[in-house]
Each structure stands twice: as C-alpha cells, then as structure tokens.
Amino acid sequence: MIKIIFVFIALISATHSTIAGNIDSNTMPENKRTKAGFYLDSKGAYDLMQKQAGKSLFIDVRTRAEVAFVGMPDIVDANVPFKYLSKKYKWDEKRQNFKMKSNPNFIAEVISRLSQKGLTKDDKVLVMCRSGGRSAGAADLLTAAGFKQVYSVIDGFEGDAAKTGVQKGKRIINGWKNSQLPWSFSLDKNKMDLSGKTKGKIGKSKKMLKKMDANNDGMISRDEFDRQHEKKFGKMDRNKDGVLDTKELEQSRKTSKREKMKAKYR
C-alpha cells in the first residue's frame, strides 16, 4: 500500500514538473511572480501546446502593434491585449516609456476564446507578453476572476535583456524568438482583436485588415503590410519625385482633415 502511494506521488510530481518546467519563483523578479504560482518558459509552453492544445488556451496579451510589427507564435490561439497604449501617447517618467491603460474587455474576451475551444475556467490558460511582466498581471487578473490554471510564460516572446556586455539592453537571453520556436509576421484574422477599442471607433481594425489583406486569405503578411504603406507614400508624393517636401506634407494633412470631417457628418 505504501509503495502504491509513493508511486502515485511520483507520478503527480513528474506531471507537475513537465507542466511547470521546474521553475523556481524565488529566482524571478518580483514583477514576474503570480499569485497562483503557475509558470512556464517559452519552451515549456511550446511542449505543453504540442501535447495538450485541445485542452489548453494560449493567449498572446501584447498590443496589436506588437504582434503586427514584431510577430506572433504560430500556435497561439488568440491575441487578447491586456493593456493598450494610451490614446494620446502620454509619457511615463518612471518607466521611461509610453503610458498604457488596461483593456476593460480582457476577461470577457478570454472567456469567449475559451468557449470557442469548448473549454472552461477550470482548463489551462497560458498567457504570454513581451518578457513576462504583463503576463504576470494578466494571470493574476484571470485568477481573481475564477480561472483555476493560469500559466504565465516568464520569458515571453522577445525574452529578457542582457545586463552586461556589448549587447547590454538587447533582448537576447531567452524568449520564444531566441529559442527558435515557430513564429511569423503573418497574422491570422481569426486570432486578432478586431474590436477597435483603442481609438474608440468600433470596427476600425477590421476595416484595416480587410483593406490590407490583398489576397483575401484572412491574414496580413509582411509584404502586404509594406505594400500598403508604399501606396500611401505614392499618394502623398504628388510630383512623383520620390521624396516628400513641406508643401506635399501640408496638402496631405489638409486632405486627411477634410476626409475626417466628411466621415464625421455622413
């Protein structure tokens, strides 16, 4: 009987070790720790999703700008921003960065994504940000809302920054990209946050995706993104000399202002 109990405990421990990746929270910065204490590194998150994708939800909580310009893991189920950049890009002196505001629909959107996969708050939810700080905050919020197994991916998509050496300050230590795990610049429309809440105009992101998706495959590739901006430059360069001068910029500004006024009073 005792032997059976020991075997059972060993199996439980082995399972937890596989899931949590033997991560010691005492070695982590305070801003990466969560109340639930469930952690994975990027490799552990990838392994878990390979084995339990049907029983787990993997959320990228970075902003839409981050996933558009920096890329996103292929196996993520959805991008649900935990925070947005403030509307007027106000400066945060303490963080030496732009201020951010919380997404009021974060919990509701995660619940919606769970439902789409036939899952509940009792199932595993993995949250990833840039390097583990925002994901910890997102994990705590979800835990407080009744989610039972929320895992924070502690090294995030880009990883931690080097503290010394010639590459000091660059995110080269760990993370999804540095671990050579699958990711892409191409975005799957079905995984995106299309609410348009950041600017207060419902459907703005949806319209942008539709406009930029040249081949109508529901995703925006890097080429499609760049092509759209080249088209905008060509429209502004009225004399087609390959550069924008003060007069052209002023004309473009006035045109944009008129178009906004027309849209407002339609």
Protein backbone atom coordinates (compact mmCIF):
# COMPACT_ATOMS: atom_id res chain seq x y z
CA MET A 1 0.00 0.00 0.00
CA ILE A 2 2.80 2.41 0.92
CA LYS A 3 4.60 1.57 -2.31
CA ILE A 4 1.47 2.40 -4.33
CA ILE A 5 1.14 5.76 -2.57
CA PHE A 6 4.78 6.62 -3.32
CA VAL A 7 4.33 5.67 -6.98
CA PHE A 8 1.21 7.86 -7.17
CA ILE A 9 3.03 10.83 -5.61
CA ALA A 10 5.94 10.34 -8.02
CA LEU A 11 3.59 10.37 -10.99
CA ILE A 12 1.90 13.55 -9.78
CA SER A 13 5.25 15.22 -9.22
CA ALA A 14 6.52 14.20 -12.65
CA THR A 15 3.39 15.56 -14.30
CA HIS A 16 3.65 18.88 -12.47
CA SER A 17 7.34 19.09 -13.32
CA THR A 18 6.57 18.63 -17.00
CA ILE A 19 3.88 21.30 -16.95
CA ALA A 20 5.50 23.88 -14.70
CA GLY A 21 9.00 23.31 -16.02
CA ASN A 22 10.60 23.15 -12.54
CA ILE A 23 10.68 26.95 -12.40
CA ASP A 24 11.65 28.38 -9.02
CA SER A 25 9.70 31.60 -8.45
CA ASN A 26 12.30 32.76 -5.91
CA THR A 27 14.78 33.26 -8.75
CA MET A 28 12.38 35.52 -10.70
CA PRO A 29 11.98 39.30 -10.49
CA GLU A 30 9.03 40.40 -8.35
CA ASN A 31 7.11 41.74 -11.36
CA LYS A 32 7.05 38.27 -12.96
CA ARG A 33 5.60 36.43 -9.96
CA THR A 34 1.93 35.48 -9.85
CA LYS A 35 -0.45 34.69 -7.01
CA ALA A 36 -1.28 31.25 -8.40
CA GLY A 37 2.39 30.35 -8.88
CA PHE A 38 1.99 28.57 -12.22
CA TYR A 39 4.87 29.25 -14.62
CA LEU A 40 6.27 28.05 -17.93
CA ASP A 41 9.18 29.20 -20.02
CA SER A 42 8.63 29.53 -23.77
CA LYS A 43 9.94 26.03 -24.49
CA GLY A 44 7.68 24.57 -21.82
CA ALA A 45 4.72 26.42 -23.30
CA TYR A 46 5.50 25.06 -26.75
CA ASP A 47 5.82 21.49 -25.42
CA LEU A 48 2.56 21.74 -23.50
CA MET A 49 0.64 23.01 -26.52
CA GLN A 50 2.07 20.21 -28.65
CA LYS A 51 0.63 17.69 -26.21
CA GLN A 52 -2.46 19.43 -24.83
CA ALA A 53 -3.55 22.01 -27.42
CA GLY A 54 -7.14 20.74 -27.35
CA LYS A 55 -7.31 21.11 -23.57
CA SER A 56 -5.48 24.43 -23.21
CA LEU A 57 -5.86 28.05 -24.37
CA PHE A 58 -2.75 30.02 -25.37
CA ILE A 59 -3.21 33.81 -25.32
CA ASP A 60 -0.76 36.49 -26.52
CA VAL A 61 -1.54 39.53 -24.33
CA ARG A 62 0.68 42.05 -26.15
CA THR A 63 -0.71 45.04 -28.02
CA ARG A 64 -1.89 44.75 -31.60
CA ALA A 65 1.03 46.92 -32.71
CA GLU A 66 3.48 44.46 -31.15
CA VAL A 67 2.07 41.41 -32.90
CA ALA A 68 1.84 43.34 -36.20
CA PHE A 69 5.42 44.64 -36.21
CA VAL A 70 7.30 42.07 -34.09
CA GLY A 71 5.47 38.84 -34.97
CA MET A 72 3.49 36.21 -33.07
CA PRO A 73 3.87 32.49 -32.22
CA ASP A 74 2.17 30.24 -34.76
CA ILE A 75 0.43 28.12 -32.12
CA VAL A 76 -1.13 30.98 -30.14
CA ASP A 77 -4.94 30.73 -30.08
CA ALA A 78 -5.58 34.47 -29.97
CA ASN A 79 -4.20 37.94 -29.39
CA VAL A 80 -6.13 39.48 -26.48
CA PRO A 81 -4.31 42.65 -25.34
CA PHE A 82 -4.02 43.01 -21.57
CA LYS A 83 -3.17 46.70 -21.96
CA TYR A 84 -3.28 49.31 -24.72
CA LEU A 85 -1.03 52.28 -25.33
CA SER A 86 -2.77 55.40 -24.03
CA LYS A 87 -4.81 57.19 -26.69
CA LYS A 88 -2.69 60.35 -26.70
CA TYR A 89 0.63 58.54 -26.16
CA LYS A 90 1.31 60.10 -22.78
CA TRP A 91 4.80 59.63 -21.35
CA ASP A 92 5.53 57.59 -18.21
CA GLU A 93 8.54 59.14 -16.45
CA LYS A 94 9.00 56.21 -14.07
CA ARG A 95 9.05 53.54 -16.76
CA GLN A 96 10.66 55.83 -19.35
CA ASN A 97 8.12 54.66 -21.87
CA PHE A 98 4.63 55.45 -23.11
CA LYS A 99 1.81 55.01 -20.61
CA MET A 100 -0.58 52.10 -21.01
CA LYS A 101 -4.19 51.56 -19.98
CA SER A 102 -5.97 48.35 -19.08
CA ASN A 103 -8.25 46.58 -21.55
CA PRO A 104 -11.73 46.62 -19.91
CA ASN A 105 -12.85 43.68 -22.06
CA PHE A 106 -9.88 41.44 -21.32
CA ILE A 107 -11.62 38.86 -19.11
CA ALA A 108 -14.75 38.73 -21.28
CA GLU A 109 -12.65 38.16 -24.41
CA VAL A 110 -10.62 35.37 -22.79
CA ILE A 111 -13.86 33.67 -21.69
CA SER A 112 -15.14 33.98 -25.26
CA ARG A 113 -11.96 32.36 -26.62
CA LEU A 114 -12.29 29.56 -24.06
CA SER A 115 -15.85 28.93 -25.17
CA GLN A 116 -14.77 28.74 -28.82
CA LYS A 117 -12.49 25.83 -27.93
CA GLY A 118 -15.11 24.16 -25.73
CA LEU A 119 -13.11 24.90 -22.59
CA THR A 120 -13.94 26.41 -19.18
CA LYS A 121 -12.22 28.35 -16.41
CA ASP A 122 -11.05 25.02 -14.99
CA ASP A 123 -8.83 24.33 -18.01
CA LYS A 124 -5.27 25.53 -18.57
CA VAL A 125 -4.75 29.08 -19.88
CA LEU A 126 -1.27 30.18 -20.99
CA VAL A 127 -0.56 33.91 -21.19
CA MET A 128 2.45 35.42 -22.97
CA CYS A 129 3.65 39.01 -23.31
CA ARG A 130 6.99 40.52 -24.37
CA SER A 131 9.10 39.29 -21.44
CA GLY A 132 6.89 38.12 -18.55
CA GLY A 133 5.76 41.26 -16.74
CA ARG A 134 2.37 41.94 -18.31
CA SER A 135 1.61 38.22 -18.50
CA ALA A 136 2.01 38.02 -14.70
CA GLY A 137 -0.51 40.84 -14.27
CA ALA A 138 -2.86 39.18 -16.75
CA ALA A 139 -2.52 35.86 -14.91
CA ASP A 140 -3.38 37.48 -11.57
CA LEU A 141 -6.44 39.19 -13.06
CA LEU A 142 -7.70 35.93 -14.55
CA THR A 143 -7.03 34.03 -11.33
CA ALA A 144 -9.01 36.62 -9.36
CA ALA A 145 -11.85 36.13 -11.89
CA GLY A 146 -12.05 32.42 -11.07
CA PHE A 147 -9.69 30.82 -13.58
CA LYS A 148 -8.06 27.78 -11.97
CA GLN A 149 -4.90 27.10 -14.00
CA VAL A 150 -3.34 30.25 -15.46
CA TYR A 151 0.30 29.86 -16.51
CA SER A 152 2.49 32.89 -17.12
CA VAL A 153 5.19 32.40 -19.78
CA ILE A 154 8.03 34.03 -17.85
CA ASP A 155 10.43 34.83 -20.72
CA GLY A 156 7.75 36.00 -23.17
CA PHE A 157 8.04 36.39 -26.91
CA GLU A 158 11.20 38.52 -27.04
CA GLY A 159 12.97 37.39 -23.87
CA ASP A 160 14.97 39.22 -21.20
CA ALA A 161 17.53 41.93 -21.89
CA ALA A 162 21.25 41.34 -21.39
CA LYS A 163 22.56 43.23 -18.34
CA THR A 164 26.21 43.32 -19.37
CA GLY A 165 28.43 43.02 -22.44
CA VAL A 166 28.37 44.60 -25.88
CA GLN A 167 24.69 43.70 -26.32
CA LYS A 168 23.57 45.16 -23.00
CA GLY A 169 19.91 46.13 -23.12
CA LYS A 170 19.07 43.88 -26.07
CA ARG A 171 16.60 41.04 -25.59
CA ILE A 172 18.86 38.10 -26.39
CA ILE A 173 18.74 35.97 -23.22
CA ASN A 174 15.70 33.73 -23.72
CA GLY A 175 12.14 34.01 -25.02
CA TRP A 176 10.15 32.46 -27.85
CA LYS A 177 12.09 34.03 -30.72
CA ASN A 178 15.54 33.41 -29.23
CA SER A 179 14.57 29.79 -28.60
CA GLN A 180 13.97 29.34 -32.35
CA LEU A 181 10.35 28.31 -31.80
CA PRO A 182 7.88 28.76 -34.72
CA TRP A 183 6.54 32.29 -35.24
CA SER A 184 5.55 34.53 -38.11
CA PHE A 185 4.82 38.10 -39.21
CA SER A 186 1.70 36.81 -40.98
CA LEU A 187 -1.38 37.37 -38.84
CA ASP A 188 -4.45 35.16 -38.82
CA LYS A 189 -7.53 37.40 -38.83
CA ASN A 190 -9.48 34.91 -36.74
CA LYS A 191 -6.94 35.23 -33.93
CA MET A 192 -6.88 39.03 -33.85
CA ASP A 193 -8.59 41.56 -31.59
CA LEU A 194 -10.83 43.40 -34.05
CA SER A 195 -12.80 45.47 -31.54
CA GLY A 196 -11.23 48.82 -32.49
CA LYS A 197 -11.44 49.90 -28.83
CA THR A 198 -8.07 51.65 -28.73
CA LYS A 199 -9.23 54.62 -30.80
CA GLY A 200 -12.84 54.42 -29.71
CA LYS A 201 -14.10 53.52 -33.19
CA ILE A 202 -15.71 50.12 -33.45
CA GLY A 203 -14.54 48.11 -36.42
CA LYS A 204 -11.52 50.26 -37.37
CA SER A 205 -9.08 47.34 -37.07
CA LYS A 206 -11.45 45.10 -39.01
CA LYS A 207 -11.59 47.64 -41.85
CA MET A 208 -7.80 47.97 -41.83
CA LEU A 209 -7.31 44.20 -42.05
CA LYS A 210 -9.79 43.96 -44.91
CA LYS A 211 -8.05 46.78 -46.78
CA MET A 212 -4.53 45.38 -46.35
CA ASP A 213 -5.36 41.69 -46.97
CA ALA A 214 -4.63 41.79 -50.73
CA ASN A 215 -5.09 38.06 -51.39
CA ASN A 216 -8.17 37.72 -49.12
CA ASP A 217 -6.74 34.84 -47.10
CA GLY A 218 -7.74 36.35 -43.75
CA MET A 219 -4.13 37.17 -42.82
CA ILE A 220 -1.76 40.09 -43.33
CA SER A 221 1.74 39.20 -44.47
CA ARG A 222 4.74 41.49 -44.07
CA ASP A 223 4.72 42.13 -47.85
CA GLU A 224 1.05 43.14 -47.77
CA PHE A 225 1.71 45.47 -44.85
CA ASP A 226 4.68 47.14 -46.55
CA ARG A 227 2.84 47.40 -49.87
CA GLN A 228 0.02 49.35 -48.27
CA HIS A 229 2.42 51.91 -46.84
CA GLU A 230 4.21 52.25 -50.19
CA LYS A 231 0.83 53.00 -51.74
CA LYS A 232 0.22 55.72 -49.15
CA PHE A 233 3.63 57.29 -49.86
CA GLY A 234 2.89 57.30 -53.58
CA LYS A 235 -0.39 59.12 -52.97
CA MET A 236 1.34 61.79 -50.88
CA ASP A 237 4.21 62.25 -53.36
CA ARG A 238 2.21 64.42 -55.76
CA ASN A 239 5.06 65.36 -58.12
CA LYS A 240 6.40 61.76 -58.13
CA ASP A 241 10.00 62.75 -57.38
CA GLY A 242 10.45 60.04 -54.73
CA VAL A 243 10.54 62.42 -51.73
CA LEU A 244 8.01 64.38 -49.67
CA ASP A 245 8.53 68.12 -49.25
CA THR A 246 6.83 70.55 -46.85
CA LYS A 247 4.17 71.53 -49.39
CA GLU A 248 3.19 67.91 -50.08
CA LEU A 249 3.02 67.09 -46.37
CA GLU A 250 0.81 70.11 -45.73
CA GLN A 251 -1.50 69.18 -48.62
CA SER A 252 -1.74 65.63 -47.31
CA ARG A 253 -2.59 66.89 -43.82
CA LYS A 254 -5.35 69.15 -45.15
CA THR A 255 -6.77 66.34 -47.30
CA SER A 256 -6.79 63.98 -44.31
CA LYS A 257 -8.54 66.62 -42.19
CA ARG A 258 -11.25 67.14 -44.84
CA GLU A 259 -11.83 63.40 -45.14
CA LYS A 260 -12.24 63.08 -41.39
CA MET A 261 -14.79 65.92 -41.33
CA LYS A 262 -16.75 64.30 -44.18
CA ALA A 263 -16.79 60.95 -42.38
CA LYS A 264 -17.93 62.61 -39.16
CA TYR A 265 -21.02 64.20 -40.75
CA ARG A 266 -22.07 61.42 -43.08
